[in-house]
Amino acid sequence: MAEIVGSAVASEAVSRVSSFLSGDKTSHESVEDKAERLEMAVLKIRSVVAVSDHLHISHLPLLHWKAKLKRIAEEGDDLLHMHKKRHLACSRVSDNTTGNSISQYLIQAAKRFVPFCHKEDELSDSTLRRFERLADGSDSFCRLVQSGGHPKKSVLLPSLTRSLLAGDSVEFSIQRKSGNDHIMLWIGGMSKCVT
C-alpha cells in the first residue's frame, strides 16, 4: 500500500516539475483568459459608476460605495496595465530566441527564473476572483441607486410646479450683492411682480 502511495506522489511531483519546465502553451492561453476576465470585470465596474453619475445619490453609504467602486476600477486598470506590460516583456524574451528546439527549450526553462517572468507576477486566481466578486457586487449597487436614486434635475422647478398647480401663490426672494430681487408668481399668469 505504501509503495502505491509513494509511486503516486512521485509521479505527481515529476508531472508538475516537467510541466513547470516545459511551459505549456495552455498556461499562456489561461493568462490571456485571465486578463480578459479582469478587463471585463473592470469594465462592468466602470459602467456601473458611469450610470450612477447620472443619478442623484443622497445617501452617504451609497456615496462611499460609489467612491470605493471608482478606486477599485482604477486599481484594476493599473493591474491590467502592469500585467500587459510584463506579458509583453516576457514575450519579447521568448521571441528573441533563435536556434534549434533544444536551445528554445532551455531558454523557455531559464526564462521562468527571470525576475519579471515569474508566475507570481501573473494574475492570481484570488485577485481575479476578487475583482469578479466586486463586479458582481456592483450590480447590487446599481439596483439600489436606480431604485432610490432620482435623475439629476433642478430642485427648484418641481416644487414651484407643484405649488402653482395646487393653486398656491409662490414667493421667492433672491438676494444679490447689488440688491434684493423679489419675485411673486400666481397660477394662470394673473400677476407677475419683479422688484
N, C-alpha and C. Protein backbone atom coordinates (compact mmCIF):
# COMPACT_ATOMS: atom_id res chain seq x y z
N MET A 1 0.82 -1.19 0.00
CA MET A 1 0.00 0.00 0.00
C MET A 1 0.87 1.26 0.00
N ALA A 2 1.91 1.25 0.83
CA ALA A 2 2.80 2.40 0.92
C ALA A 2 3.54 2.60 -0.40
N GLU A 3 3.82 1.50 -1.12
CA GLU A 3 4.50 1.61 -2.41
C GLU A 3 3.62 2.30 -3.43
N ILE A 4 2.33 2.03 -3.41
CA ILE A 4 1.39 2.64 -4.36
C ILE A 4 1.27 4.13 -4.09
N VAL A 5 1.15 4.50 -2.82
CA VAL A 5 1.05 5.91 -2.45
C VAL A 5 2.34 6.64 -2.81
N GLY A 6 3.49 6.02 -2.52
CA GLY A 6 4.78 6.62 -2.85
C GLY A 6 4.94 6.80 -4.35
N SER A 7 4.49 5.82 -5.12
CA SER A 7 4.57 5.91 -6.58
C SER A 7 3.67 7.02 -7.11
N ALA A 8 2.48 7.16 -6.55
CA ALA A 8 1.56 8.21 -6.99
C ALA A 8 2.11 9.60 -6.68
N VAL A 9 2.70 9.74 -5.49
CA VAL A 9 3.28 11.03 -5.10
C VAL A 9 4.46 11.37 -5.99
N ALA A 10 5.31 10.38 -6.27
CA ALA A 10 6.48 10.61 -7.13
C ALA A 10 6.05 10.98 -8.55
N SER A 11 5.06 10.29 -9.09
CA SER A 11 4.62 10.60 -10.46
C SER A 11 3.98 11.99 -10.54
N GLU A 12 3.26 12.38 -9.51
CA GLU A 12 2.66 13.72 -9.49
C GLU A 12 3.75 14.79 -9.41
N ALA A 13 4.77 14.55 -8.61
CA ALA A 13 5.88 15.51 -8.49
C ALA A 13 6.62 15.64 -9.81
N VAL A 14 6.89 14.52 -10.48
CA VAL A 14 7.56 14.55 -11.78
C VAL A 14 6.70 15.27 -12.80
N SER A 15 5.40 15.03 -12.77
CA SER A 15 4.49 15.69 -13.71
C SER A 15 4.48 17.20 -13.51
N ARG A 16 4.45 17.65 -12.27
CA ARG A 16 4.43 19.09 -12.01
C ARG A 16 5.75 19.76 -12.40
N VAL A 17 6.86 19.11 -12.11
CA VAL A 17 8.16 19.68 -12.47
C VAL A 17 8.31 19.76 -13.98
N SER A 18 7.89 18.71 -14.68
CA SER A 18 8.02 18.73 -16.15
C SER A 18 7.10 19.77 -16.77
N SER A 19 5.90 19.93 -16.25
CA SER A 19 5.01 20.97 -16.81
C SER A 19 5.53 22.36 -16.48
N PHE A 20 6.17 22.52 -15.32
CA PHE A 20 6.75 23.81 -14.95
C PHE A 20 7.89 24.18 -15.89
N LEU A 21 8.76 23.20 -16.18
CA LEU A 21 9.92 23.46 -17.03
C LEU A 21 9.54 23.57 -18.51
N SER A 22 8.53 22.84 -18.93
CA SER A 22 8.18 22.87 -20.36
C SER A 22 7.41 24.13 -20.73
N GLY A 23 6.70 24.72 -19.79
CA GLY A 23 5.97 25.95 -20.09
C GLY A 23 4.91 25.72 -21.15
N ASP A 24 3.92 24.90 -20.85
CA ASP A 24 2.88 24.57 -21.82
C ASP A 24 2.20 25.82 -22.35
N LYS A 25 1.73 25.75 -23.60
CA LYS A 25 1.02 26.87 -24.22
C LYS A 25 -0.33 27.10 -23.55
N THR A 26 -0.89 26.06 -22.91
CA THR A 26 -2.17 26.25 -22.25
C THR A 26 -2.07 27.26 -21.12
N SER A 27 -0.89 27.33 -20.46
CA SER A 27 -0.74 28.31 -19.39
C SER A 27 -0.76 29.72 -19.96
N HIS A 28 -0.19 29.92 -21.18
CA HIS A 28 -0.23 31.23 -21.81
C HIS A 28 -1.65 31.59 -22.22
N GLU A 29 -2.42 30.61 -22.66
CA GLU A 29 -3.80 30.89 -23.01
C GLU A 29 -4.61 31.25 -21.77
N SER A 30 -4.34 30.56 -20.67
CA SER A 30 -5.09 30.87 -19.47
C SER A 30 -4.72 32.26 -18.94
N VAL A 31 -3.48 32.68 -19.16
CA VAL A 31 -3.08 34.03 -18.76
C VAL A 31 -3.87 35.06 -19.57
N GLU A 32 -4.02 34.81 -20.86
CA GLU A 32 -4.81 35.72 -21.70
C GLU A 32 -6.27 35.71 -21.28
N ASP A 33 -6.79 34.54 -20.95
CA ASP A 33 -8.17 34.46 -20.48
C ASP A 33 -8.36 35.22 -19.18
N LYS A 34 -7.38 35.09 -18.28
CA LYS A 34 -7.46 35.81 -17.02
C LYS A 34 -7.45 37.32 -17.24
N ALA A 35 -6.59 37.76 -18.15
CA ALA A 35 -6.53 39.20 -18.45
C ALA A 35 -7.85 39.68 -19.03
N GLU A 36 -8.46 38.87 -19.87
CA GLU A 36 -9.75 39.26 -20.46
C GLU A 36 -10.84 39.28 -19.39
N ARG A 37 -10.82 38.30 -18.49
CA ARG A 37 -11.81 38.29 -17.41
C ARG A 37 -11.65 39.51 -16.50
N LEU A 38 -10.39 39.87 -16.20
CA LEU A 38 -10.15 41.06 -15.38
C LEU A 38 -10.63 42.31 -16.11
N GLU A 39 -10.36 42.39 -17.39
CA GLU A 39 -10.78 43.56 -18.16
C GLU A 39 -12.30 43.68 -18.18
N MET A 40 -13.01 42.57 -18.32
CA MET A 40 -14.47 42.61 -18.32
C MET A 40 -15.01 43.01 -16.95
N ALA A 41 -14.39 42.53 -15.88
CA ALA A 41 -14.83 42.91 -14.53
C ALA A 41 -14.63 44.40 -14.30
N VAL A 42 -13.49 44.94 -14.74
CA VAL A 42 -13.22 46.37 -14.57
C VAL A 42 -14.19 47.19 -15.43
N LEU A 43 -14.47 46.74 -16.64
CA LEU A 43 -15.44 47.45 -17.49
C LEU A 43 -16.83 47.46 -16.87
N LYS A 44 -17.20 46.36 -16.26
CA LYS A 44 -18.51 46.29 -15.60
C LYS A 44 -18.58 47.29 -14.44
N ILE A 45 -17.52 47.36 -13.65
CA ILE A 45 -17.49 48.30 -12.53
C ILE A 45 -17.53 49.73 -13.05
N ARG A 46 -16.74 50.01 -14.09
CA ARG A 46 -16.71 51.37 -14.66
C ARG A 46 -18.07 51.77 -15.23
N SER A 47 -18.77 50.83 -15.88
CA SER A 47 -20.07 51.17 -16.45
C SER A 47 -21.10 51.44 -15.37
N VAL A 48 -21.04 50.71 -14.27
CA VAL A 48 -21.97 50.96 -13.15
C VAL A 48 -21.71 52.33 -12.56
N VAL A 49 -20.45 52.69 -12.40
CA VAL A 49 -20.11 54.01 -11.87
C VAL A 49 -20.58 55.10 -12.83
N ALA A 50 -20.42 54.88 -14.14
CA ALA A 50 -20.85 55.87 -15.13
C ALA A 50 -22.36 56.05 -15.10
N VAL A 51 -23.11 54.96 -14.95
CA VAL A 51 -24.57 55.07 -14.87
C VAL A 51 -24.97 55.82 -13.60
N SER A 52 -24.28 55.54 -12.50
CA SER A 52 -24.63 56.20 -11.24
C SER A 52 -24.28 57.68 -11.24
N ASP A 53 -23.38 58.10 -12.13
CA ASP A 53 -23.04 59.53 -12.23
C ASP A 53 -24.23 60.36 -12.71
N HIS A 54 -25.16 59.73 -13.42
CA HIS A 54 -26.31 60.46 -13.96
C HIS A 54 -27.50 60.43 -13.01
N LEU A 55 -27.33 59.84 -11.85
CA LEU A 55 -28.40 59.78 -10.86
C LEU A 55 -27.99 60.57 -9.62
N HIS A 56 -28.99 61.17 -8.99
CA HIS A 56 -28.74 61.94 -7.77
C HIS A 56 -28.70 60.96 -6.60
N ILE A 57 -27.56 60.85 -5.96
CA ILE A 57 -27.38 59.97 -4.80
C ILE A 57 -27.21 60.84 -3.58
N SER A 58 -28.11 60.67 -2.60
CA SER A 58 -28.03 61.50 -1.40
C SER A 58 -27.65 60.70 -0.16
N HIS A 59 -27.70 59.38 -0.23
CA HIS A 59 -27.36 58.56 0.93
C HIS A 59 -25.85 58.40 1.04
N LEU A 60 -25.33 58.70 2.21
CA LEU A 60 -23.88 58.68 2.43
C LEU A 60 -23.25 57.30 2.20
N PRO A 61 -23.88 56.21 2.66
CA PRO A 61 -23.27 54.89 2.39
C PRO A 61 -23.16 54.59 0.89
N LEU A 62 -24.15 55.00 0.13
CA LEU A 62 -24.08 54.79 -1.32
C LEU A 62 -22.99 55.64 -1.96
N LEU A 63 -22.78 56.83 -1.43
CA LEU A 63 -21.70 57.67 -1.94
C LEU A 63 -20.33 57.05 -1.63
N HIS A 64 -20.21 56.46 -0.43
CA HIS A 64 -18.96 55.78 -0.07
C HIS A 64 -18.74 54.56 -0.97
N TRP A 65 -19.83 53.83 -1.24
CA TRP A 65 -19.76 52.64 -2.09
C TRP A 65 -19.32 53.04 -3.50
N LYS A 66 -19.88 54.13 -3.99
CA LYS A 66 -19.52 54.62 -5.32
C LYS A 66 -18.04 55.01 -5.38
N ALA A 67 -17.56 55.69 -4.35
CA ALA A 67 -16.14 56.08 -4.31
C ALA A 67 -15.24 54.84 -4.26
N LYS A 68 -15.66 53.83 -3.50
CA LYS A 68 -14.87 52.59 -3.43
C LYS A 68 -14.86 51.90 -4.79
N LEU A 69 -15.98 51.88 -5.49
CA LEU A 69 -16.01 51.27 -6.82
C LEU A 69 -15.09 52.00 -7.79
N LYS A 70 -15.04 53.33 -7.67
CA LYS A 70 -14.12 54.10 -8.53
C LYS A 70 -12.67 53.72 -8.25
N ARG A 71 -12.33 53.61 -6.95
CA ARG A 71 -10.96 53.23 -6.59
C ARG A 71 -10.62 51.82 -7.08
N ILE A 72 -11.57 50.92 -6.97
CA ILE A 72 -11.35 49.54 -7.41
C ILE A 72 -11.15 49.49 -8.92
N ALA A 73 -11.93 50.28 -9.65
CA ALA A 73 -11.77 50.31 -11.11
C ALA A 73 -10.39 50.85 -11.49
N GLU A 74 -9.93 51.87 -10.79
CA GLU A 74 -8.59 52.40 -11.06
C GLU A 74 -7.51 51.37 -10.72
N GLU A 75 -7.70 50.67 -9.61
CA GLU A 75 -6.74 49.63 -9.22
C GLU A 75 -6.71 48.52 -10.27
N GLY A 76 -7.88 48.14 -10.77
CA GLY A 76 -7.95 47.12 -11.81
C GLY A 76 -7.29 47.56 -13.10
N ASP A 77 -7.50 48.83 -13.46
CA ASP A 77 -6.83 49.36 -14.66
C ASP A 77 -5.32 49.32 -14.50
N ASP A 78 -4.83 49.72 -13.33
CA ASP A 78 -3.39 49.70 -13.08
C ASP A 78 -2.84 48.27 -13.13
N LEU A 79 -3.56 47.35 -12.52
CA LEU A 79 -3.13 45.95 -12.51
C LEU A 79 -3.12 45.38 -13.92
N LEU A 80 -4.13 45.69 -14.70
CA LEU A 80 -4.21 45.21 -16.08
C LEU A 80 -3.08 45.80 -16.92
N HIS A 81 -2.79 47.07 -16.72
CA HIS A 81 -1.70 47.72 -17.46
C HIS A 81 -0.35 47.07 -17.10
N MET A 82 -0.11 46.84 -15.81
CA MET A 82 1.14 46.20 -15.39
C MET A 82 1.24 44.79 -15.95
N HIS A 83 0.12 44.06 -15.94
CA HIS A 83 0.12 42.69 -16.46
C HIS A 83 0.45 42.68 -17.94
N LYS A 84 -0.17 43.56 -18.70
CA LYS A 84 0.09 43.60 -20.15
C LYS A 84 1.54 43.98 -20.43
N LYS A 85 2.06 44.91 -19.63
CA LYS A 85 3.46 45.33 -19.80
C LYS A 85 4.41 44.17 -19.51
N ARG A 86 4.17 43.43 -18.44
CA ARG A 86 5.02 42.28 -18.10
C ARG A 86 4.90 41.17 -19.13
N HIS A 87 3.68 40.93 -19.58
CA HIS A 87 3.46 39.88 -20.57
C HIS A 87 4.18 40.22 -21.87
N LEU A 88 4.15 41.49 -22.24
CA LEU A 88 4.85 41.93 -23.44
C LEU A 88 6.36 41.75 -23.28
N ALA A 89 6.89 42.07 -22.10
CA ALA A 89 8.32 41.89 -21.85
C ALA A 89 8.70 40.42 -21.89
N CYS A 90 7.87 39.56 -21.33
CA CYS A 90 8.15 38.12 -21.34
C CYS A 90 8.07 37.57 -22.76
N SER A 91 7.12 38.04 -23.54
CA SER A 91 7.01 37.55 -24.92
C SER A 91 8.17 38.03 -25.77
N ARG A 92 8.71 39.22 -25.47
CA ARG A 92 9.90 39.69 -26.19
C ARG A 92 11.09 38.79 -25.92
N VAL A 93 11.23 38.35 -24.67
CA VAL A 93 12.34 37.46 -24.33
C VAL A 93 12.23 36.17 -25.11
N SER A 94 11.03 35.61 -25.21
CA SER A 94 10.87 34.35 -25.93
C SER A 94 10.94 34.55 -27.44
N ASP A 95 10.56 35.72 -27.95
CA ASP A 95 10.63 35.98 -29.39
C ASP A 95 12.06 36.19 -29.86
N ASN A 96 12.94 36.62 -28.99
CA ASN A 96 14.32 36.88 -29.36
C ASN A 96 15.16 35.60 -29.43
N THR A 97 14.56 34.47 -29.14
CA THR A 97 15.31 33.22 -29.18
C THR A 97 15.42 32.74 -30.62
N THR A 98 16.61 32.37 -31.00
CA THR A 98 16.83 31.79 -32.32
C THR A 98 17.62 30.51 -32.13
N GLY A 99 17.48 29.61 -33.05
CA GLY A 99 18.22 28.36 -32.97
C GLY A 99 17.30 27.18 -33.00
N ASN A 100 17.83 26.04 -32.61
CA ASN A 100 17.04 24.82 -32.70
C ASN A 100 16.11 24.68 -31.51
N SER A 101 15.36 23.62 -31.49
CA SER A 101 14.35 23.44 -30.46
C SER A 101 14.96 23.20 -29.08
N ILE A 102 16.16 22.64 -29.03
CA ILE A 102 16.80 22.41 -27.73
C ILE A 102 17.16 23.74 -27.08
N SER A 103 17.70 24.68 -27.86
CA SER A 103 18.04 25.98 -27.28
C SER A 103 16.78 26.74 -26.87
N GLN A 104 15.72 26.62 -27.66
CA GLN A 104 14.46 27.28 -27.30
C GLN A 104 13.90 26.67 -26.02
N TYR A 105 14.01 25.36 -25.89
CA TYR A 105 13.54 24.68 -24.68
C TYR A 105 14.31 25.17 -23.46
N LEU A 106 15.63 25.28 -23.59
CA LEU A 106 16.45 25.75 -22.48
C LEU A 106 16.16 27.20 -22.13
N ILE A 107 15.93 28.03 -23.15
CA ILE A 107 15.62 29.44 -22.90
C ILE A 107 14.26 29.58 -22.23
N GLN A 108 13.29 28.78 -22.66
CA GLN A 108 11.97 28.83 -22.01
C GLN A 108 12.07 28.38 -20.56
N ALA A 109 12.87 27.35 -20.30
CA ALA A 109 13.05 26.90 -18.92
C ALA A 109 13.77 27.96 -18.10
N ALA A 110 14.76 28.62 -18.71
CA ALA A 110 15.51 29.65 -17.99
C ALA A 110 14.70 30.90 -17.75
N LYS A 111 13.81 31.24 -18.69
CA LYS A 111 13.05 32.49 -18.52
C LYS A 111 12.06 32.41 -17.36
N ARG A 112 11.78 31.20 -16.92
CA ARG A 112 10.92 31.06 -15.75
C ARG A 112 11.61 31.58 -14.49
N PHE A 113 12.93 31.66 -14.53
CA PHE A 113 13.68 32.13 -13.39
C PHE A 113 14.07 33.59 -13.51
N VAL A 114 13.70 34.23 -14.62
CA VAL A 114 13.97 35.66 -14.81
C VAL A 114 13.00 36.42 -13.92
N PRO A 115 13.44 37.47 -13.21
CA PRO A 115 12.58 38.14 -12.23
C PRO A 115 11.25 38.64 -12.78
N PHE A 116 11.21 39.14 -14.02
CA PHE A 116 9.96 39.72 -14.48
C PHE A 116 9.05 38.71 -15.17
N CYS A 117 9.40 37.46 -15.18
CA CYS A 117 8.56 36.45 -15.82
C CYS A 117 8.09 35.38 -14.84
N HIS A 118 8.15 35.66 -13.56
CA HIS A 118 7.73 34.67 -12.57
C HIS A 118 6.23 34.48 -12.60
N LYS A 119 5.81 33.33 -12.13
CA LYS A 119 4.39 33.04 -12.05
C LYS A 119 3.67 34.00 -11.10
N GLU A 120 4.38 34.46 -10.07
CA GLU A 120 3.75 35.33 -9.09
C GLU A 120 3.37 36.68 -9.69
N ASP A 121 4.00 37.05 -10.82
CA ASP A 121 3.66 38.30 -11.47
C ASP A 121 2.39 38.18 -12.31
N GLU A 122 1.98 36.96 -12.60
CA GLU A 122 0.77 36.77 -13.38
C GLU A 122 -0.44 37.07 -12.49
N LEU A 123 -1.56 37.20 -13.13
CA LEU A 123 -2.78 37.46 -12.39
C LEU A 123 -3.13 36.22 -11.58
N SER A 124 -3.19 36.36 -10.29
CA SER A 124 -3.53 35.21 -9.45
C SER A 124 -5.03 34.97 -9.51
N ASP A 125 -5.39 33.74 -9.24
CA ASP A 125 -6.81 33.39 -9.25
C ASP A 125 -7.57 34.14 -8.18
N SER A 126 -6.94 34.33 -7.02
CA SER A 126 -7.63 35.04 -5.94
C SER A 126 -7.86 36.51 -6.29
N THR A 127 -6.89 37.14 -6.96
CA THR A 127 -7.07 38.53 -7.39
C THR A 127 -8.19 38.63 -8.41
N LEU A 128 -8.19 37.70 -9.35
CA LEU A 128 -9.23 37.70 -10.38
C LEU A 128 -10.60 37.46 -9.77
N ARG A 129 -10.69 36.52 -8.84
CA ARG A 129 -11.98 36.26 -8.16
C ARG A 129 -12.44 37.49 -7.38
N ARG A 130 -11.49 38.19 -6.77
CA ARG A 130 -11.84 39.41 -6.02
C ARG A 130 -12.49 40.44 -6.93
N PHE A 131 -11.87 40.70 -8.08
CA PHE A 131 -12.43 41.69 -8.99
C PHE A 131 -13.77 41.23 -9.57
N GLU A 132 -13.90 39.95 -9.87
CA GLU A 132 -15.18 39.45 -10.38
C GLU A 132 -16.26 39.53 -9.30
N ARG A 133 -15.89 39.25 -8.05
CA ARG A 133 -16.85 39.36 -6.94
C ARG A 133 -17.30 40.81 -6.77
N LEU A 134 -16.34 41.74 -6.85
CA LEU A 134 -16.69 43.15 -6.71
C LEU A 134 -17.53 43.64 -7.90
N ALA A 135 -17.26 43.12 -9.08
CA ALA A 135 -18.07 43.48 -10.25
C ALA A 135 -19.49 42.96 -10.09
N ASP A 136 -19.64 41.76 -9.54
CA ASP A 136 -20.99 41.24 -9.28
C ASP A 136 -21.68 42.07 -8.21
N GLY A 137 -20.93 42.52 -7.21
CA GLY A 137 -21.50 43.37 -6.17
C GLY A 137 -21.90 44.74 -6.69
N SER A 138 -21.25 45.17 -7.76
CA SER A 138 -21.61 46.47 -8.33
C SER A 138 -23.01 46.44 -8.93
N ASP A 139 -23.48 45.24 -9.32
CA ASP A 139 -24.87 45.12 -9.78
C ASP A 139 -25.84 45.49 -8.66
N SER A 140 -25.55 45.05 -7.45
CA SER A 140 -26.40 45.40 -6.31
C SER A 140 -26.39 46.90 -6.08
N PHE A 141 -25.22 47.51 -6.19
CA PHE A 141 -25.11 48.96 -6.05
C PHE A 141 -25.98 49.66 -7.10
N CYS A 142 -25.90 49.19 -8.33
CA CYS A 142 -26.67 49.80 -9.41
C CYS A 142 -28.17 49.69 -9.15
N ARG A 143 -28.61 48.52 -8.69
CA ARG A 143 -30.04 48.34 -8.39
C ARG A 143 -30.49 49.26 -7.26
N LEU A 144 -29.66 49.38 -6.21
CA LEU A 144 -30.01 50.26 -5.10
C LEU A 144 -30.09 51.72 -5.54
N VAL A 145 -29.14 52.13 -6.34
CA VAL A 145 -29.12 53.52 -6.79
C VAL A 145 -30.30 53.80 -7.71
N GLN A 146 -30.61 52.86 -8.61
CA GLN A 146 -31.72 53.08 -9.53
C GLN A 146 -33.07 53.05 -8.83
N SER A 147 -33.19 52.25 -7.77
CA SER A 147 -34.47 52.20 -7.06
C SER A 147 -34.67 53.41 -6.15
N GLY A 148 -33.58 53.93 -5.58
CA GLY A 148 -33.72 55.05 -4.65
C GLY A 148 -33.20 56.35 -5.18
N GLY A 149 -32.44 56.28 -6.22
CA GLY A 149 -31.86 57.50 -6.78
C GLY A 149 -32.82 58.15 -7.76
N HIS A 150 -32.69 59.40 -7.93
CA HIS A 150 -33.52 60.14 -8.86
C HIS A 150 -32.62 60.77 -9.90
N PRO A 151 -33.10 60.89 -11.13
CA PRO A 151 -32.28 61.58 -12.12
C PRO A 151 -31.96 62.99 -11.64
N LYS A 152 -30.75 63.43 -11.93
CA LYS A 152 -30.35 64.77 -11.50
C LYS A 152 -31.21 65.79 -12.23
N LYS A 153 -31.83 66.66 -11.46
CA LYS A 153 -32.67 67.70 -12.04
C LYS A 153 -32.70 68.88 -11.09
N SER A 154 -33.26 69.94 -11.55
CA SER A 154 -33.35 71.13 -10.73
C SER A 154 -34.29 70.89 -9.56
N VAL A 155 -33.87 71.28 -8.38
CA VAL A 155 -34.70 71.10 -7.19
C VAL A 155 -35.78 72.17 -7.12
N LEU A 156 -35.52 73.34 -7.68
CA LEU A 156 -36.45 74.46 -7.61
C LEU A 156 -37.69 74.22 -8.47
N LEU A 157 -37.53 73.75 -9.67
CA LEU A 157 -38.64 73.64 -10.61
C LEU A 157 -39.75 72.70 -10.16
N PRO A 158 -39.48 71.48 -9.67
CA PRO A 158 -40.59 70.63 -9.28
C PRO A 158 -41.41 71.21 -8.13
N SER A 159 -40.79 71.81 -7.13
CA SER A 159 -41.57 72.39 -6.03
C SER A 159 -42.37 73.58 -6.52
N LEU A 160 -41.81 74.37 -7.41
CA LEU A 160 -42.52 75.50 -7.99
C LEU A 160 -43.72 75.03 -8.79
N THR A 161 -43.53 74.01 -9.60
CA THR A 161 -44.62 73.48 -10.42
C THR A 161 -45.73 72.91 -9.56
N ARG A 162 -45.37 72.14 -8.52
CA ARG A 162 -46.40 71.56 -7.64
C ARG A 162 -47.21 72.65 -6.96
N SER A 163 -46.53 73.68 -6.48
CA SER A 163 -47.23 74.76 -5.78
C SER A 163 -48.16 75.52 -6.71
N LEU A 164 -47.69 75.82 -7.90
CA LEU A 164 -48.52 76.56 -8.84
C LEU A 164 -49.71 75.74 -9.30
N LEU A 165 -49.52 74.45 -9.53
CA LEU A 165 -50.63 73.60 -9.94
C LEU A 165 -51.63 73.39 -8.82
N ALA A 166 -51.20 73.52 -7.59
CA ALA A 166 -52.12 73.40 -6.45
C ALA A 166 -52.91 74.68 -6.23
N GLY A 167 -52.59 75.73 -6.98
CA GLY A 167 -53.32 76.99 -6.85
C GLY A 167 -52.74 77.92 -5.81
N ASP A 168 -51.62 77.60 -5.25
CA ASP A 168 -50.99 78.45 -4.24
C ASP A 168 -50.19 79.54 -4.92
N SER A 169 -50.02 80.61 -4.18
CA SER A 169 -49.10 81.63 -4.67
C SER A 169 -47.72 81.27 -4.14
N VAL A 170 -46.73 81.58 -4.91
CA VAL A 170 -45.36 81.24 -4.54
C VAL A 170 -44.56 82.52 -4.51
N GLU A 171 -43.77 82.66 -3.49
CA GLU A 171 -42.96 83.86 -3.33
C GLU A 171 -41.51 83.45 -3.16
N PHE A 172 -40.65 84.01 -3.98
CA PHE A 172 -39.22 83.74 -3.90
C PHE A 172 -38.49 85.04 -3.67
N SER A 173 -37.45 84.96 -2.92
CA SER A 173 -36.61 86.12 -2.70
C SER A 173 -35.19 85.74 -3.08
N ILE A 174 -34.63 86.49 -4.01
CA ILE A 174 -33.27 86.24 -4.46
C ILE A 174 -32.42 87.41 -3.97
N GLN A 175 -31.40 87.11 -3.22
CA GLN A 175 -30.55 88.16 -2.69
C GLN A 175 -29.22 88.16 -3.42
N ARG A 176 -28.85 89.33 -3.88
CA ARG A 176 -27.56 89.52 -4.53
C ARG A 176 -26.84 90.66 -3.83
N LYS A 177 -25.56 90.81 -4.12
CA LYS A 177 -24.79 91.89 -3.50
C LYS A 177 -25.28 93.26 -3.95
N SER A 178 -25.79 93.33 -5.16
CA SER A 178 -26.25 94.62 -5.69
C SER A 178 -27.61 95.03 -5.13
N GLY A 179 -28.33 94.09 -4.56
CA GLY A 179 -29.64 94.41 -4.02
C GLY A 179 -30.49 93.16 -3.93
N ASN A 180 -31.74 93.33 -3.53
CA ASN A 180 -32.66 92.21 -3.41
C ASN A 180 -33.64 92.22 -4.56
N ASP A 181 -33.90 91.08 -5.13
CA ASP A 181 -34.95 90.92 -6.12
C ASP A 181 -36.05 90.10 -5.47
N HIS A 182 -37.25 90.52 -5.66
CA HIS A 182 -38.39 89.84 -5.06
C HIS A 182 -39.31 89.39 -6.19
N ILE A 183 -39.62 88.10 -6.24
CA ILE A 183 -40.46 87.57 -7.31
C ILE A 183 -41.68 86.93 -6.69
N MET A 184 -42.88 87.26 -7.21
CA MET A 184 -44.12 86.63 -6.78
C MET A 184 -44.80 86.04 -8.00
N LEU A 185 -45.22 84.79 -7.90
CA LEU A 185 -45.87 84.12 -9.02
C LEU A 185 -47.21 83.58 -8.55
N TRP A 186 -48.23 83.67 -9.41
CA TRP A 186 -49.53 83.08 -9.15
C TRP A 186 -49.91 82.20 -10.33
N ILE A 187 -50.78 81.27 -10.10
CA ILE A 187 -51.23 80.37 -11.16
C ILE A 187 -52.00 81.14 -12.21
N GLY A 188 -51.88 80.72 -13.44
CA GLY A 188 -52.63 81.33 -14.53
C GLY A 188 -52.00 82.60 -15.04
N GLY A 189 -50.85 82.95 -14.55
CA GLY A 189 -50.16 84.15 -15.03
C GLY A 189 -50.91 85.42 -14.71
N MET A 190 -51.73 85.41 -13.63
CA MET A 190 -52.52 86.58 -13.27
C MET A 190 -51.63 87.76 -12.93
N SER A 191 -50.59 87.51 -12.22
CA SER A 191 -49.75 88.62 -11.82
C SER A 191 -48.31 88.14 -11.73
N LYS A 192 -47.45 88.98 -12.16
CA LYS A 192 -46.03 88.67 -12.05
C LYS A 192 -45.35 89.95 -11.63
N CYS A 193 -44.76 89.93 -10.49
CA CYS A 193 -44.16 91.11 -9.91
C CYS A 193 -42.67 90.90 -9.75
N VAL A 194 -41.87 91.77 -10.30
CA VAL A 194 -40.43 91.70 -10.09
C VAL A 194 -39.99 93.05 -9.59
N THR A 195 -39.34 93.07 -8.44
CA THR A 195 -38.86 94.35 -7.90
C THR A 195 -37.37 94.32 -7.76
